[in-house]
């Protein structure tokens, strides 16, 4: 497995959740802190595909954040 480049996020397995977790930076908040987003999936491949989609949406400025 190779290292991911700058701005591509990180993927790891959470034993507590029994799921794969992907985290990436989606810009900055109004106060200047990083806006980190997390994605979850049952397989590493699934998380990688979700991250690729989300990062491409951020690049094309079509990413929509979920409101809680």
PDB file of N, CA and C in Angstrom:
ATOM      1  N   UNK A   1       0.841  -1.156   0.000  1.00  0.00           N
ATOM      2  CA  UNK A   1       0.000   0.000   0.000  1.00  0.00           C
ATOM      3  C   UNK A   1       0.898   1.235   0.000  1.00  0.00           C
ATOM      4  N   UNK A   2       0.601   2.191  -0.862  1.00  0.00           N
ATOM      5  CA  UNK A   2       1.437   3.377  -0.963  1.00  0.00           C
ATOM      6  C   UNK A   2       0.868   4.522  -0.138  1.00  0.00           C
ATOM      7  N   UNK A   3       1.715   5.504   0.100  1.00  0.00           N
ATOM      8  CA  UNK A   3       1.315   6.687   0.856  1.00  0.00           C
ATOM      9  C   UNK A   3       0.387   7.555   0.015  1.00  0.00           C
ATOM     10  N   UNK A   4      -0.615   8.109   0.647  1.00  0.00           N
ATOM     11  CA  UNK A   4      -1.501   9.037  -0.042  1.00  0.00           C
ATOM     12  C   UNK A   4      -0.827  10.402  -0.074  1.00  0.00           C
ATOM     13  N   UNK A   5      -1.092  11.179  -1.099  1.00  0.00           N
ATOM     14  CA  UNK A   5      -0.485  12.494  -1.253  1.00  0.00           C
ATOM     15  C   UNK A   5      -1.154  13.543  -0.384  1.00  0.00           C
ATOM     16  N   UNK A   6      -0.566  14.719  -0.355  1.00  0.00           N
ATOM     17  CA  UNK A   6      -1.141  15.827   0.405  1.00  0.00           C
ATOM     18  C   UNK A   6      -2.514  16.180  -0.145  1.00  0.00           C
ATOM     19  N   UNK A   7      -3.474  16.390   0.735  1.00  0.00           N
ATOM     20  CA  UNK A   7      -4.815  16.768   0.335  1.00  0.00           C
ATOM     21  C   UNK A   7      -5.716  15.609  -0.047  1.00  0.00           C
ATOM     22  N   UNK A   8      -5.232  14.379   0.060  1.00  0.00           N
ATOM     23  CA  UNK A   8      -6.030  13.210  -0.316  1.00  0.00           C
ATOM     24  C   UNK A   8      -6.691  12.540   0.879  1.00  0.00           C
ATOM     25  N   UNK A   9      -6.430  13.006   2.072  1.00  0.00           N
ATOM     26  CA  UNK A   9      -7.067  12.437   3.253  1.00  0.00           C
ATOM     27  C   UNK A   9      -6.367  11.203   3.775  1.00  0.00           C
ATOM     28  N   UNK A  10      -7.046  10.501   4.679  1.00  0.00           N
ATOM     29  CA  UNK A  10      -6.492   9.309   5.297  1.00  0.00           C
ATOM     30  C   UNK A  10      -7.584   8.256   5.442  1.00  0.00           C
ATOM     31  N   UNK A  11      -7.176   6.995   5.400  1.00  0.00           N
ATOM     32  CA  UNK A  11      -8.106   5.878   5.567  1.00  0.00           C
ATOM     33  C   UNK A  11      -7.526   4.939   6.616  1.00  0.00           C
ATOM     34  N   UNK A  12      -8.354   4.543   7.587  1.00  0.00           N
ATOM     35  CA  UNK A  12      -7.895   3.607   8.607  1.00  0.00           C
ATOM     36  C   UNK A  12      -9.058   2.741   9.073  1.00  0.00           C
ATOM     37  N   UNK A  13      -8.736   1.644   9.761  1.00  0.00           N
ATOM     38  CA  UNK A  13      -9.759   0.743  10.290  1.00  0.00           C
ATOM     39  C   UNK A  13      -9.974   1.037  11.764  1.00  0.00           C
ATOM     40  N   UNK A  14     -11.232   1.259  12.160  1.00  0.00           N
ATOM     41  CA  UNK A  14     -11.586   1.509  13.552  1.00  0.00           C
ATOM     42  C   UNK A  14     -12.122   0.219  14.154  1.00  0.00           C
ATOM     43  N   UNK A  15     -11.372  -0.348  15.092  1.00  0.00           N
ATOM     44  CA  UNK A  15     -11.831  -1.580  15.734  1.00  0.00           C
ATOM     45  C   UNK A  15     -13.012  -1.304  16.651  1.00  0.00           C
ATOM     46  N   UNK A  16     -13.101  -0.105  17.179  1.00  0.00           N
ATOM     47  CA  UNK A  16     -14.216   0.255  18.048  1.00  0.00           C
ATOM     48  C   UNK A  16     -15.529   0.241  17.273  1.00  0.00           C
ATOM     49  N   UNK A  17     -15.513   0.751  16.050  1.00  0.00           N
ATOM     50  CA  UNK A  17     -16.711   0.798  15.216  1.00  0.00           C
ATOM     51  C   UNK A  17     -16.863  -0.425  14.314  1.00  0.00           C
ATOM     52  N   UNK A  18     -15.794  -1.190  14.160  1.00  0.00           N
ATOM     53  CA  UNK A  18     -15.737  -2.314  13.224  1.00  0.00           C
ATOM     54  C   UNK A  18     -16.022  -1.847  11.799  1.00  0.00           C
ATOM     55  N   UNK A  19     -15.502  -0.687  11.447  1.00  0.00           N
ATOM     56  CA  UNK A  19     -15.693  -0.114  10.122  1.00  0.00           C
ATOM     57  C   UNK A  19     -14.414   0.586   9.675  1.00  0.00           C
ATOM     58  N   UNK A  20     -14.316   0.811   8.378  1.00  0.00           N
ATOM     59  CA  UNK A  20     -13.247   1.613   7.813  1.00  0.00           C
ATOM     60  C   UNK A  20     -13.681   3.069   7.865  1.00  0.00           C
ATOM     61  N   UNK A  21     -12.731   3.949   8.160  1.00  0.00           N
ATOM     62  CA  UNK A  21     -13.012   5.377   8.290  1.00  0.00           C
ATOM     63  C   UNK A  21     -12.090   6.139   7.348  1.00  0.00           C
ATOM     64  N   UNK A  22     -12.658   7.067   6.616  1.00  0.00           N
ATOM     65  CA  UNK A  22     -11.873   7.953   5.764  1.00  0.00           C
ATOM     66  C   UNK A  22     -12.095   9.381   6.215  1.00  0.00           C
ATOM     67  N   UNK A  23     -11.008  10.149   6.345  1.00  0.00           N
ATOM     68  CA  UNK A  23     -11.118  11.540   6.753  1.00  0.00           C
ATOM     69  C   UNK A  23     -10.400  12.412   5.737  1.00  0.00           C
ATOM     70  N   UNK A  24     -10.997  13.568   5.447  1.00  0.00           N
ATOM     71  CA  UNK A  24     -10.383  14.507   4.527  1.00  0.00           C
ATOM     72  C   UNK A  24     -10.733  15.925   4.946  1.00  0.00           C
ATOM     73  N   UNK A  25      -9.996  16.890   4.419  1.00  0.00           N
ATOM     74  CA  UNK A  25     -10.218  18.291   4.728  1.00  0.00           C
ATOM     75  C   UNK A  25     -11.074  18.900   3.636  1.00  0.00           C
ATOM     76  N   UNK A  26     -12.182  19.522   4.042  1.00  0.00           N
ATOM     77  CA  UNK A  26     -13.097  20.164   3.097  1.00  0.00           C
ATOM     78  C   UNK A  26     -13.035  21.674   3.289  1.00  0.00           C
ATOM     79  N   UNK A  27     -11.853  22.235   3.185  1.00  0.00           N
ATOM     80  CA  UNK A  27     -11.682  23.679   3.321  1.00  0.00           C
ATOM     81  C   UNK A  27     -11.505  24.110   4.765  1.00  0.00           C
ATOM     82  N   UNK A  28     -11.850  25.359   5.021  1.00  0.00           N
ATOM     83  CA  UNK A  28     -11.712  25.931   6.359  1.00  0.00           C
ATOM     84  C   UNK A  28     -13.037  26.513   6.823  1.00  0.00           C
ATOM     85  N   UNK A  29     -13.234  26.517   8.139  1.00  0.00           N
ATOM     86  CA  UNK A  29     -14.425  27.104   8.743  1.00  0.00           C
ATOM     87  C   UNK A  29     -14.257  28.615   8.824  1.00  0.00           C
ATOM     88  N   UNK A  30     -15.310  29.292   9.244  1.00  0.00           N
ATOM     89  CA  UNK A  30     -15.287  30.751   9.343  1.00  0.00           C
ATOM     90  C   UNK A  30     -14.241  31.244  10.350  1.00  0.00           C
ATOM     91  N   UNK A  31     -13.985  30.440  11.405  1.00  0.00           N
ATOM     92  CA  UNK A  31     -13.001  30.853  12.409  1.00  0.00           C
ATOM     93  C   UNK A  31     -11.573  30.506  12.018  1.00  0.00           C
ATOM     94  N   UNK A  32     -11.381  29.894  10.847  1.00  0.00           N
ATOM     95  CA  UNK A  32     -10.037  29.588  10.353  1.00  0.00           C
ATOM     96  C   UNK A  32      -9.560  28.176  10.628  1.00  0.00           C
ATOM     97  N   UNK A  33     -10.302  27.402  11.420  1.00  0.00           N
ATOM     98  CA  UNK A  33      -9.889  26.031  11.699  1.00  0.00           C
ATOM     99  C   UNK A  33     -10.252  25.124  10.516  1.00  0.00           C
ATOM    100  N   UNK A  34      -9.587  23.968  10.439  1.00  0.00           N
ATOM    101  CA  UNK A  34      -9.843  23.033   9.349  1.00  0.00           C
ATOM    102  C   UNK A  34     -11.233  22.420   9.462  1.00  0.00           C
ATOM    103  N   UNK A  35     -11.870  22.223   8.337  1.00  0.00           N
ATOM    104  CA  UNK A  35     -13.184  21.598   8.268  1.00  0.00           C
ATOM    105  C   UNK A  35     -12.973  20.138   7.867  1.00  0.00           C
ATOM    106  N   UNK A  36     -12.839  19.235   8.864  1.00  0.00           N
ATOM    107  CA  UNK A  36     -12.568  17.820   8.616  1.00  0.00           C
ATOM    108  C   UNK A  36     -13.874  17.051   8.477  1.00  0.00           C
ATOM    109  N   UNK A  37     -13.943  16.206   7.478  1.00  0.00           N
ATOM    110  CA  UNK A  37     -15.115  15.367   7.239  1.00  0.00           C
ATOM    111  C   UNK A  37     -14.705  13.903   7.344  1.00  0.00           C
ATOM    112  N   UNK A  38     -15.619  13.063   7.820  1.00  0.00           N
ATOM    113  CA  UNK A  38     -15.378  11.632   7.953  1.00  0.00           C
ATOM    114  C   UNK A  38     -16.401  10.852   7.150  1.00  0.00           C
ATOM    115  N   UNK A  39     -15.939   9.763   6.549  1.00  0.00           N
ATOM    116  CA  UNK A  39     -16.800   8.842   5.807  1.00  0.00           C
ATOM    117  C   UNK A  39     -16.593   7.450   6.378  1.00  0.00           C
ATOM    118  N   UNK A  40     -17.634   6.645   6.393  1.00  0.00           N
ATOM    119  CA  UNK A  40     -17.570   5.307   6.972  1.00  0.00           C
ATOM    120  C   UNK A  40     -18.026   4.273   5.955  1.00  0.00           C
ATOM    121  N   UNK A  41     -17.442   3.068   6.050  1.00  0.00           N
ATOM    122  CA  UNK A  41     -17.840   1.981   5.171  1.00  0.00           C
ATOM    123  C   UNK A  41     -17.398   0.645   5.718  1.00  0.00           C
ATOM    124  N   UNK A  42     -17.928  -0.419   5.140  1.00  0.00           N
ATOM    125  CA  UNK A  42     -17.590  -1.770   5.592  1.00  0.00           C
ATOM    126  C   UNK A  42     -16.293  -2.271   4.985  1.00  0.00           C
ATOM    127  N   UNK A  43     -15.894  -1.738   3.833  1.00  0.00           N
ATOM    128  CA  UNK A  43     -14.639  -2.150   3.201  1.00  0.00           C
ATOM    129  C   UNK A  43     -13.790  -0.925   2.891  1.00  0.00           C
ATOM    130  N   UNK A  44     -12.488  -1.137   2.780  1.00  0.00           N
ATOM    131  CA  UNK A  44     -11.576  -0.046   2.458  1.00  0.00           C
ATOM    132  C   UNK A  44     -11.889   0.500   1.070  1.00  0.00           C
ATOM    133  N   UNK A  45     -12.199  -0.382   0.155  1.00  0.00           N
ATOM    134  CA  UNK A  45     -12.510   0.020  -1.216  1.00  0.00           C
ATOM    135  C   UNK A  45     -13.728   0.936  -1.249  1.00  0.00           C
ATOM    136  N   UNK A  46     -14.748   0.604  -0.469  1.00  0.00           N
ATOM    137  CA  UNK A  46     -15.962   1.416  -0.407  1.00  0.00           C
ATOM    138  C   UNK A  46     -15.648   2.833   0.098  1.00  0.00           C
ATOM    139  N   UNK A  47     -14.828   2.932   1.142  1.00  0.00           N
ATOM    140  CA  UNK A  47     -14.457   4.237   1.689  1.00  0.00           C
ATOM    141  C   UNK A  47     -13.616   5.019   0.684  1.00  0.00           C
ATOM    142  N   UNK A  48     -12.723   4.334  -0.008  1.00  0.00           N
ATOM    143  CA  UNK A  48     -11.881   5.005  -0.994  1.00  0.00           C
ATOM    144  C   UNK A  48     -12.731   5.593  -2.124  1.00  0.00           C
ATOM    145  N   UNK A  49     -13.733   4.853  -2.570  1.00  0.00           N
ATOM    146  CA  UNK A  49     -14.629   5.348  -3.627  1.00  0.00           C
ATOM    147  C   UNK A  49     -15.439   6.549  -3.144  1.00  0.00           C
ATOM    148  N   UNK A  50     -15.935   6.491  -1.896  1.00  0.00           N
ATOM    149  CA  UNK A  50     -16.686   7.614  -1.343  1.00  0.00           C
ATOM    150  C   UNK A  50     -15.804   8.851  -1.224  1.00  0.00           C
ATOM    151  N   UNK A  51     -14.551   8.649  -0.788  1.00  0.00           N
ATOM    152  CA  UNK A  51     -13.628   9.779  -0.650  1.00  0.00           C
ATOM    153  C   UNK A  51     -13.286  10.382  -1.999  1.00  0.00           C
ATOM    154  N   UNK A  52     -13.070   9.549  -2.994  1.00  0.00           N
ATOM    155  CA  UNK A  52     -12.758  10.042  -4.335  1.00  0.00           C
ATOM    156  C   UNK A  52     -13.904  10.887  -4.863  1.00  0.00           C
ATOM    157  N   UNK A  53     -15.135  10.425  -4.647  1.00  0.00           N
ATOM    158  CA  UNK A  53     -16.314  11.173  -5.088  1.00  0.00           C
ATOM    159  C   UNK A  53     -16.421  12.505  -4.350  1.00  0.00           C
ATOM    160  N   UNK A  54     -16.259  12.484  -3.030  1.00  0.00           N
ATOM    161  CA  UNK A  54     -16.376  13.706  -2.231  1.00  0.00           C
ATOM    162  C   UNK A  54     -15.283  14.711  -2.593  1.00  0.00           C
ATOM    163  N   UNK A  55     -14.043  14.240  -2.776  1.00  0.00           N
ATOM    164  CA  UNK A  55     -12.950  15.146  -3.120  1.00  0.00           C
ATOM    165  C   UNK A  55     -13.141  15.747  -4.503  1.00  0.00           C
ATOM    166  N   UNK A  56     -13.678  14.977  -5.447  1.00  0.00           N
ATOM    167  CA  UNK A  56     -13.918  15.534  -6.781  1.00  0.00           C
ATOM    168  C   UNK A  56     -15.050  16.561  -6.739  1.00  0.00           C
ATOM    169  N   UNK A  57     -16.060  16.329  -5.878  1.00  0.00           N
ATOM    170  CA  UNK A  57     -17.140  17.299  -5.720  1.00  0.00           C
ATOM    171  C   UNK A  57     -16.627  18.590  -5.096  1.00  0.00           C
ATOM    172  N   UNK A  58     -15.672  18.485  -4.174  1.00  0.00           N
ATOM    173  CA  UNK A  58     -15.090  19.677  -3.573  1.00  0.00           C
ATOM    174  C   UNK A  58     -14.314  20.462  -4.623  1.00  0.00           C
ATOM    175  N   UNK A  59     -13.582  19.764  -5.477  1.00  0.00           N
ATOM    176  CA  UNK A  59     -12.815  20.427  -6.527  1.00  0.00           C
ATOM    177  C   UNK A  59     -13.716  21.153  -7.519  1.00  0.00           C
ATOM    178  N   UNK A  60     -14.876  20.584  -7.825  1.00  0.00           N
ATOM    179  CA  UNK A  60     -15.802  21.215  -8.774  1.00  0.00           C
ATOM    180  C   UNK A  60     -16.816  22.114  -8.062  1.00  0.00           C
ATOM    181  N   UNK A  61     -16.649  22.269  -6.748  1.00  0.00           N
ATOM    182  CA  UNK A  61     -17.501  23.114  -5.908  1.00  0.00           C
ATOM    183  C   UNK A  61     -18.971  22.705  -5.958  1.00  0.00           C
ATOM    184  N   UNK A  62     -19.222  21.401  -6.042  1.00  0.00           N
ATOM    185  CA  UNK A  62     -20.591  20.896  -6.018  1.00  0.00           C
ATOM    186  C   UNK A  62     -20.841  20.026  -4.775  1.00  0.00           C
ATOM    187  N   UNK A  63     -19.945  20.106  -3.778  1.00  0.00           N
ATOM    188  CA  UNK A  63     -20.076  19.324  -2.552  1.00  0.00           C
ATOM    189  C   UNK A  63     -21.140  19.964  -1.666  1.00  0.00           C
ATOM    190  N   UNK A  64     -22.099  19.170  -1.191  1.00  0.00           N
ATOM    191  CA  UNK A  64     -23.170  19.661  -0.334  1.00  0.00           C
ATOM    192  C   UNK A  64     -23.014  19.019   1.038  1.00  0.00           C
ATOM    193  N   UNK A  65     -22.871  19.857   2.070  1.00  0.00           N
ATOM    194  CA  UNK A  65     -22.740  19.349   3.426  1.00  0.00           C
ATOM    195  C   UNK A  65     -24.109  18.980   3.973  1.00  0.00           C
ATOM    196  N   UNK A  66     -24.137  17.913   4.771  1.00  0.00           N
ATOM    197  CA  UNK A  66     -25.375  17.505   5.439  1.00  0.00           C
ATOM    198  C   UNK A  66     -25.582  18.415   6.635  1.00  0.00           C
ATOM    199  N   UNK A  67     -26.786  18.908   6.792  1.00  0.00           N
ATOM    200  CA  UNK A  67     -27.115  19.737   7.946  1.00  0.00           C
ATOM    201  C   UNK A  67     -27.689  18.833   9.036  1.00  0.00           C
ATOM    202  N   UNK A  68     -27.275  19.037  10.273  1.00  0.00           N
ATOM    203  CA  UNK A  68     -27.750  18.199  11.364  1.00  0.00           C
ATOM    204  C   UNK A  68     -28.910  18.811  12.056  1.00  0.00           C
TER     205      UNK A  68
END
